Amino acid sequence: QVQLVESGGGLVQPGGSLRLSCVASKPIFSINSMAWYRQAPGKQRNLVASITRSGSTNYEDSVKGRFTIFRDNAKNTLYLQMNSLKPEDTAVYYCQVPAPGTDYWGQGTQVTVSS
């Protein structure tokens, strides 16, 4: 099992930046894959970005070039650096660790992009 706690969300103007953090309750160096998802009101939860233990990354098309996912194994933390934010990025952002038979999720952090 692993508990995940996200932070770093908030209200930001269009074009601004935020960095989300996800602290895990166990060392993450052994976790093969970690990801960020987001869910806007009335919509499904969708993958934003993922990263493997080796550092390979994958991004949803709309965030490529603006968002960067990275992990700090020494701090047991997953990050999502979000730049050039747009109103359509408004959502609750969740950290996720896939596992056989289940997935682990954090409680989510709200990101609101508005002027």
Protein backbone atom coordinates (compact mmCIF):
# COMPACT_ATOMS: atom_id res chain seq x y z
CA GLN A 1 0.00 0.00 0.00
CA VAL A 2 0.97 3.61 -0.48
CA GLN A 3 -0.68 6.83 0.64
CA LEU A 4 -0.41 9.87 -1.61
CA VAL A 5 -0.85 13.50 -0.56
CA GLU A 6 -1.03 16.24 -3.18
CA SER A 7 -0.44 19.94 -2.66
CA GLY A 8 0.36 23.05 -4.63
CA GLY A 9 -2.96 23.83 -6.26
CA GLY A 10 -4.60 27.23 -6.21
CA LEU A 11 -5.95 30.11 -8.23
CA VAL A 12 -3.71 31.46 -10.97
CA GLN A 13 -4.18 33.84 -13.88
CA PRO A 14 -3.95 32.63 -17.48
CA GLY A 15 -0.32 32.38 -18.49
CA GLY A 16 0.80 31.74 -14.93
CA SER A 17 2.57 28.76 -13.38
CA LEU A 18 2.03 26.29 -10.58
CA ARG A 19 4.00 23.32 -9.27
CA LEU A 20 2.05 20.42 -7.85
CA SER A 21 3.62 17.98 -5.40
CA CYS A 22 2.63 14.46 -4.44
CA VAL A 23 4.32 12.98 -1.39
CA ALA A 24 4.23 9.20 -1.06
CA SER A 25 4.20 7.28 2.21
CA LYS A 26 6.86 4.84 1.02
CA PRO A 27 10.07 5.13 -0.99
CA ILE A 28 9.20 5.71 -4.61
CA PHE A 29 12.46 4.49 -6.14
CA SER A 30 10.86 1.04 -6.39
CA ILE A 31 7.61 2.31 -7.92
CA ASN A 32 7.73 1.64 -11.63
CA SER A 33 5.17 4.18 -12.78
CA MET A 34 3.53 7.28 -11.35
CA ALA A 35 1.12 9.68 -12.96
CA TRP A 36 -0.94 12.83 -12.73
CA TYR A 37 -4.60 12.83 -13.72
CA ARG A 38 -7.14 15.64 -13.75
CA GLN A 39 -10.89 15.88 -13.61
CA ALA A 40 -12.85 18.94 -14.64
CA PRO A 41 -16.45 19.46 -13.44
CA GLY A 42 -18.82 17.13 -15.25
CA LYS A 43 -16.01 15.36 -17.10
CA GLN A 44 -14.11 12.12 -16.80
CA ARG A 45 -10.79 11.83 -15.03
CA ASN A 46 -8.07 11.85 -17.67
CA LEU A 47 -4.35 11.18 -17.74
CA VAL A 48 -2.20 14.31 -17.88
CA ALA A 49 1.30 12.89 -17.62
CA SER A 50 3.15 9.81 -16.46
CA ILE A 51 6.73 8.90 -15.62
CA THR A 52 8.48 5.58 -15.22
CA ARG A 53 11.21 4.59 -12.78
CA SER A 54 13.75 5.06 -15.56
CA GLY A 55 12.50 8.59 -16.23
CA SER A 56 10.55 8.01 -19.40
CA THR A 57 7.65 10.43 -19.66
CA ASN A 58 4.36 10.63 -21.49
CA TYR A 59 2.07 13.63 -21.86
CA GLU A 60 -1.46 14.30 -22.97
CA ASP A 61 -1.34 16.30 -26.18
CA SER A 62 -2.85 19.51 -24.82
CA VAL A 63 -0.13 19.90 -22.15
CA LYS A 64 2.93 18.99 -24.19
CA GLY A 65 5.50 21.77 -24.04
CA ARG A 66 3.77 23.40 -21.07
CA PHE A 67 3.80 20.75 -18.31
CA THR A 68 6.72 18.76 -16.97
CA ILE A 69 6.44 15.69 -14.76
CA PHE A 70 9.41 14.67 -12.66
CA ARG A 71 10.17 12.71 -9.52
CA ASP A 72 12.58 13.16 -6.63
CA ASN A 73 13.26 9.73 -5.18
CA ALA A 74 15.18 11.18 -2.25
CA LYS A 75 12.08 13.09 -1.17
CA ASN A 76 9.56 10.39 -2.16
CA THR A 77 7.83 13.09 -4.18
CA LEU A 78 6.28 13.35 -7.62
CA TYR A 79 5.94 16.79 -9.19
CA LEU A 80 4.03 18.44 -12.00
CA GLN A 81 5.40 21.78 -13.16
CA MET A 82 2.67 23.61 -15.04
CA ASN A 83 3.53 26.67 -17.14
CA SER A 84 1.51 28.83 -19.53
CA LEU A 85 -1.67 27.77 -17.80
CA LYS A 86 -4.97 28.13 -19.61
CA PRO A 87 -8.55 28.31 -18.32
CA GLU A 88 -9.15 24.84 -19.78
CA ASP A 89 -6.52 23.47 -17.38
CA THR A 90 -8.93 24.14 -14.52
CA ALA A 91 -9.58 20.84 -12.74
CA VAL A 92 -8.86 18.77 -9.68
CA TYR A 93 -5.45 17.15 -10.15
CA TYR A 94 -4.77 13.69 -8.74
CA CYS A 95 -1.59 11.74 -8.19
CA GLN A 96 -1.82 8.06 -9.08
CA VAL A 97 0.20 4.90 -8.62
CA PRO A 98 -1.05 1.86 -10.53
CA ALA A 99 -0.91 -1.49 -8.78
CA PRO A 100 -2.14 -5.02 -9.56
CA GLY A 101 -5.85 -5.23 -8.80
CA THR A 102 -6.11 -1.62 -7.69
CA ASP A 103 -4.78 1.87 -8.17
CA TYR A 104 -3.72 4.26 -5.44
CA TRP A 105 -4.95 7.84 -5.56
CA GLY A 106 -4.38 10.98 -3.59
CA GLN A 107 -7.19 13.23 -2.41
CA GLY A 108 -6.65 15.73 -5.21
CA THR A 109 -5.70 19.39 -5.38
CA GLN A 110 -7.79 22.07 -7.08
CA VAL A 111 -6.25 24.14 -9.85
CA THR A 112 -8.25 27.12 -11.08
CA VAL A 113 -7.04 29.24 -13.98
CA SER A 114 -9.00 32.45 -14.22
CA SER A 115 -8.54 36.18 -14.56
